[in-house]
Amino acid sequence: MRVDRLTEGRLWALALSVLAYGAASAPAPPGIRPQELLVFAGIAVFVGITGPWRFFAGLEVARAPAPLAAGSAILVWLLWQGFVRGLWNGWGLTDMMRDIVPMLFLALPLLLAPILGRLTTDQADRLADAAAAAGVLFTVRWWYDTGMALSAVGTSALGEGRYYLLNSALVPFASVWLGLRSMRWLLASQPTAAERVQALLAAAGCLCCLLAQAATLHRAGLLLSLLALGLGMGRWLWRRPALFLTLFLLASASLIGVGARVAGVAALLADKTESVGLNNRVDELLAVLEQVGRHPVSFLIGDGWGALVPNPAVGWWRVSYTHSAASYFLLKLGALGLALILCLAGLLAGVLARAARDMPMLLLAASPSLLLGAFLHTSFKYLCFSLLLSLVTGRAYMSLYRR
């Protein structure tokens, strides 16, 4: 597949912006600082000047494949519905922008897919490498802020830090993608010296991210990452019994040295589960239902962008977010908006499922972060979540519509 120089230049702009995101920004930055402007500029170069305007004006609907066209129409409708409803209720502009900007992020997968679909498989993999490297950069910055407190792993929980860097969707992604990339390079028939070096660096990045999740007791992220890693490695090793046995023996031997740490992490995870359970996710949903259930119109179309809710997960402070996509969109867009969001998710899931055979490793690596964002975490509002969803949607576009 031929990629023109313009697309290649745009690819470099996107890759560098993703790396800058991991090196200097945050999943939920305190504001729009110079580093955020730099990241946005790189994405804007990749998308082009007229792309966003054509998308939000609905001009791209007729040109896109049916699932993506329907998804684009849904997203544009929801953006305007929440905007008009927020204006009607008189919410503050700052609170409205806190909701509108994440909604614009969610347009990225549909906006970027046709461009990403023109990349070669190797270029798409390298872009995924850049996203994983950004996840490692977030993690390294967190480790630096903690004073490289490796000795605390398995003995006590470390704090999240000021900017909650480990909440990025790119951290679980890096944990899985880099582990699988390392295995793939090592299992090459005749790996070159460069591939061996890449494999070692990828394995180090994978371990760095896994240890950080263990140190902060990110239960779901850690367990889903380990599950995805196990499935991905098992897919390659089941036909290589000798290699599987060798790796199993090496892993068993390593437990002699780190077994106490592993047991300590497991005990801390169990204690956290016993003490906090589901982190008030059910109470959070009930609080949203109580607020939107006060009037049929509010239940149907929500309270709009900028709406606040007394949230039990944060001590009943009135905040603009919840920790699950379902309760968040129910609050902002009502039952109608939530139903349309589910339709959008179903359309994207259908596209990814149809292309899964052509991108098993990427889809497996992205699954922990996508599941966390959809059901358990606020990361669905983050730029990193939308970038990750853009990667898998673009690869699916390449598989289904660019053959």
Foldseek 3Di string as FASTA:
>chain_A
DDDDPLLVVLLVLQLVLLLLCLQPAAQDGPDCDPSNVSSVVSNCSNLDDCLVVCLLVLVCLVVDPPLLSLLSVLLSVLLVLLVVLQVVLPFDPVQLCLPNLLSVLLCLLSSCQVSLLPDDPVSLLVSLVSLLSSLLSLLVVVCVVVVVPLVLQLPAADDCDDRNRLLFLSLLLLLQLLLLQLVVQVPPPDRDPVSPVSSVVSNVSNVSSLSNCLRNLVPLSNVLSVVLNVVSVCVPCVVPVVVVVVVVVVVVVVCVVCVSSVVSSVVVNVVVCVPQPLLCQVVQLVQLCVVQVPDPVCQAFANHRNAWTQGVSVPRDTDQDHFAPQSNCCHSGHPNSSVSVVSSVVSLVVLLVVCCVVPVSLCSSSVSSQVSVHGGGVSSSGSSNSVSSSSSSSSSCNRPPVD
